[in-house]
Amino acid sequence: MPPPILEATALVQRLRAGEAAIIPTDTLPGLAVMPDQAQTLWHLKRRPADKPLILMGATVDDLLQEVDVSCHREVEALAGDYWPGALTLVLPACDGAACHLNPGGRTLGCRIPACKQTRELLQISGPLATTSANRSGEPASMTSADASRYFPDVAQLGPQPWPQPSGQASTVLVWVELGRWRMARRGAVIPEGLEVFE
């Protein structure tokens, strides 16, 4: 039996009840849960809990609420150029979602996906804990059908078919201090005009 395919409002009801969902993004299909249910993603993926999850949001303001004010100005500048898009920013976190997505850590990875369908979901649900829709160590899903083979019981966002993802992971930049970033992963976007080291 194929997994249920639900419109955003119905899928959010399941998310709020503690279930996971499979969603499209501009890079790869993702698994998503409410932030306080983050442990569900590690369990589903069979992934160690020391590998942090990403917080996806619909707006910059949604994400800034979860990170320290010291980085806000630079995040807003980057967001104006690269969000929505394939850029993940790892930022100093406030006490909040980070305690679920990065237990024991002091940072939080944040992104706004360039996928209108998923941003509309996020506008209803609020920010979600996310990760790629595959088992840990196995090939990434490229389609909803791929994702359903890994997770046949997890509901998916409709309508389908989804927009074609790029298949290339997001670039990950880690905020070090005012004006300085570390490149943790080269991906689909290479920001210009930043002091970035590897």
Protein backbone atom coordinates (compact mmCIF):
# COMPACT_ATOMS: atom_id res chain seq x y z
CA MET A 1 0.00 0.00 0.00
CA PRO A 2 1.48 3.41 -0.96
CA PRO A 3 2.00 6.02 1.77
CA PRO A 4 -0.76 8.60 2.28
CA ILE A 5 -0.34 11.77 0.20
CA LEU A 6 -1.87 14.70 2.06
CA GLU A 7 -2.40 18.39 1.43
CA ALA A 8 -0.57 20.76 3.76
CA THR A 9 -3.34 21.33 6.31
CA ALA A 10 -3.97 17.60 6.82
CA LEU A 11 -0.25 16.85 6.95
CA VAL A 12 0.31 19.52 9.61
CA GLN A 13 -2.31 17.81 11.78
CA ARG A 14 -0.24 14.63 11.61
CA LEU A 15 2.97 16.51 12.33
CA ARG A 16 1.40 18.13 15.38
CA ALA A 17 0.27 14.68 16.53
CA GLY A 18 3.93 13.59 16.59
CA GLU A 19 4.25 11.91 13.18
CA ALA A 20 6.96 12.42 10.58
CA ALA A 21 6.34 13.56 7.00
CA ILE A 22 8.20 13.41 3.71
CA ILE A 23 8.47 16.75 1.93
CA PRO A 24 9.99 18.08 -1.29
CA THR A 25 12.83 20.60 -1.24
CA ASP A 26 14.95 22.25 -3.92
CA THR A 27 17.88 19.93 -3.15
CA LEU A 28 16.60 16.48 -2.08
CA PRO A 29 13.38 15.09 -0.58
CA GLY A 30 13.37 15.49 3.19
CA LEU A 31 12.00 13.94 6.35
CA ALA A 32 10.37 16.44 8.71
CA VAL A 33 8.91 16.53 12.23
CA MET A 34 7.97 19.16 14.76
CA PRO A 35 11.18 20.22 16.54
CA ASP A 36 10.24 18.61 19.86
CA GLN A 37 9.85 15.28 18.02
CA ALA A 38 13.37 15.34 16.58
CA GLN A 39 14.26 11.97 18.10
CA THR A 40 11.81 10.42 15.62
CA LEU A 41 14.10 11.33 12.73
CA TRP A 42 17.19 9.74 14.27
CA HIS A 43 15.14 6.60 14.91
CA LEU A 44 13.69 6.46 11.38
CA LYS A 45 17.05 7.07 9.72
CA ARG A 46 18.96 4.79 12.13
CA ARG A 47 21.28 7.74 12.53
CA PRO A 48 23.43 8.64 15.54
CA ALA A 49 21.95 11.47 17.60
CA ASP A 50 25.27 13.32 17.54
CA LYS A 51 24.54 14.30 13.92
CA PRO A 52 22.46 17.48 14.19
CA LEU A 53 19.28 18.12 12.23
CA ILE A 54 18.37 21.23 10.21
CA LEU A 55 15.62 23.69 11.13
CA MET A 56 13.66 24.72 8.04
CA GLY A 57 11.42 27.75 8.17
CA ALA A 58 9.20 29.77 5.87
CA THR A 59 10.66 33.16 6.82
CA VAL A 60 13.88 34.66 8.11
CA ASP A 61 12.07 35.94 11.20
CA ASP A 62 10.90 32.40 12.05
CA LEU A 63 14.52 31.22 12.11
CA LEU A 64 16.05 34.29 13.77
CA GLN A 65 13.87 33.62 16.83
CA GLU A 66 15.96 30.49 17.44
CA VAL A 67 19.45 32.00 17.12
CA ASP A 68 21.55 34.49 19.02
CA VAL A 69 21.12 38.17 18.17
CA SER A 70 24.89 38.53 17.56
CA CYS A 71 24.53 36.96 14.10
CA HIS A 72 21.18 38.45 13.05
CA ARG A 73 22.52 41.27 10.85
CA GLU A 74 24.75 38.95 8.82
CA VAL A 75 22.04 36.31 8.50
CA GLU A 76 19.60 38.92 7.21
CA ALA A 77 22.15 40.06 4.62
CA LEU A 78 22.82 36.51 3.40
CA ALA A 79 19.13 35.70 3.43
CA GLY A 80 18.45 38.61 1.14
CA ASP A 81 20.82 37.12 -1.44
CA TYR A 82 20.49 33.35 -1.00
CA TRP A 83 17.22 32.43 0.75
CA PRO A 84 15.08 30.73 -0.27
CA GLY A 85 17.80 28.47 -1.56
CA ALA A 86 20.40 25.77 -1.07
CA LEU A 87 22.37 27.47 1.70
CA THR A 88 22.37 26.14 5.27
CA LEU A 89 23.69 28.51 7.94
CA VAL A 90 24.96 27.02 11.21
CA LEU A 91 24.42 29.70 13.83
CA PRO A 92 24.85 30.26 17.57
CA ALA A 93 21.61 29.06 19.09
CA CYS A 94 19.25 30.33 21.75
CA ASP A 95 17.69 27.92 24.21
CA GLY A 96 14.87 26.49 22.15
CA ALA A 97 14.79 24.26 19.08
CA ALA A 98 18.54 23.60 19.30
CA CYS A 99 18.12 21.51 22.45
CA HIS A 100 16.06 19.08 20.34
CA LEU A 101 17.92 19.25 17.01
CA ASN A 102 21.48 19.40 18.37
CA PRO A 103 21.42 17.93 21.90
CA GLY A 104 24.32 19.22 23.95
CA GLY A 105 25.40 21.57 21.17
CA ARG A 106 25.28 25.33 21.00
CA THR A 107 24.56 25.78 17.29
CA LEU A 108 21.59 25.35 14.99
CA GLY A 109 21.57 24.77 11.23
CA CYS A 110 18.92 26.87 9.47
CA ARG A 111 17.53 27.03 5.93
CA ILE A 112 14.60 28.31 3.89
CA PRO A 113 14.04 25.92 0.97
CA ALA A 114 13.46 27.20 -2.56
CA CYS A 115 10.36 25.03 -2.88
CA LYS A 116 7.10 26.97 -2.77
CA GLN A 117 5.06 23.90 -1.83
CA THR A 118 7.15 23.23 1.27
CA ARG A 119 7.29 26.90 2.28
CA GLU A 120 3.50 26.93 2.22
CA LEU A 121 3.54 23.93 4.56
CA LEU A 122 6.04 25.69 6.84
CA GLN A 123 3.83 28.77 7.00
CA ILE A 124 1.14 26.59 8.59
CA SER A 125 3.31 24.31 10.71
CA GLY A 126 6.03 26.72 11.79
CA PRO A 127 9.69 25.67 11.54
CA LEU A 128 10.34 21.93 11.24
CA ALA A 129 13.27 19.68 12.10
CA THR A 130 14.46 18.14 8.84
CA THR A 131 16.97 15.77 7.31
CA SER A 132 17.32 13.96 3.98
CA ALA A 133 14.79 11.18 3.32
CA ASN A 134 17.08 8.15 3.33
CA ARG A 135 18.50 5.68 5.80
CA SER A 136 21.79 6.78 7.33
CA GLY A 137 24.69 5.78 5.06
CA GLU A 138 22.46 4.83 2.12
CA PRO A 139 21.92 6.72 -1.17
CA ALA A 140 19.81 9.88 -1.04
CA SER A 141 16.25 9.81 -2.32
CA MET A 142 15.67 11.78 -5.51
CA THR A 143 11.90 11.29 -5.82
CA SER A 144 8.86 10.68 -3.65
CA ALA A 145 8.91 7.06 -4.80
CA ASP A 146 12.53 6.68 -3.62
CA ALA A 147 11.59 8.12 -0.24
CA SER A 148 8.60 5.82 0.10
CA ARG A 149 10.84 2.79 -0.43
CA TYR A 150 12.86 3.84 2.61
CA PHE A 151 9.84 4.94 4.66
CA PRO A 152 6.69 3.23 3.32
CA ASP A 153 4.51 4.25 6.27
CA VAL A 154 5.40 7.95 6.37
CA ALA A 155 2.85 10.39 4.91
CA GLN A 156 3.97 12.64 2.05
CA LEU A 157 3.11 16.20 1.09
CA GLY A 158 0.76 16.57 -1.84
CA PRO A 159 -0.04 17.37 -4.52
CA GLN A 160 2.40 15.28 -6.50
CA PRO A 161 4.47 15.02 -8.63
CA TRP A 162 6.84 17.36 -6.83
CA PRO A 163 9.14 19.83 -8.59
CA GLN A 164 12.38 18.16 -9.69
CA PRO A 165 15.08 18.63 -7.02
CA SER A 166 18.64 19.55 -7.95
CA GLY A 167 20.06 16.42 -6.31
CA GLN A 168 22.93 18.52 -4.96
CA ALA A 169 23.21 19.08 -1.21
CA SER A 170 23.05 22.57 0.24
CA THR A 171 26.21 24.50 1.00
CA VAL A 172 26.84 24.64 4.77
CA LEU A 173 28.43 27.76 6.29
CA VAL A 174 29.24 27.96 10.00
CA TRP A 175 29.21 31.41 11.66
CA VAL A 176 32.47 31.90 13.58
CA GLU A 177 32.33 35.55 14.58
CA LEU A 178 31.25 38.85 13.09
CA GLY A 179 32.38 38.83 9.47
CA ARG A 180 33.88 35.31 9.48
CA TRP A 181 32.40 32.01 8.30
CA ARG A 182 33.74 28.47 7.92
CA MET A 183 32.81 26.34 4.92
CA ALA A 184 31.65 23.01 6.37
CA ARG A 185 30.34 21.61 3.06
CA ARG A 186 30.57 22.85 -0.50
CA GLY A 187 27.24 22.46 -2.20
CA ALA A 188 24.89 24.12 -4.64
CA VAL A 189 25.55 27.74 -3.59
CA ILE A 190 28.88 29.53 -3.14
CA PRO A 191 28.26 32.93 -1.49
CA GLU A 192 30.39 35.83 -2.66
CA GLY A 193 31.88 38.70 -0.71
CA LEU A 194 32.34 36.77 2.56
CA GLU A 195 35.44 35.94 4.54
CA VAL A 196 35.16 32.15 4.38
CA PHE A 197 37.77 29.59 5.36
CA GLU A 198 37.74 25.78 5.25
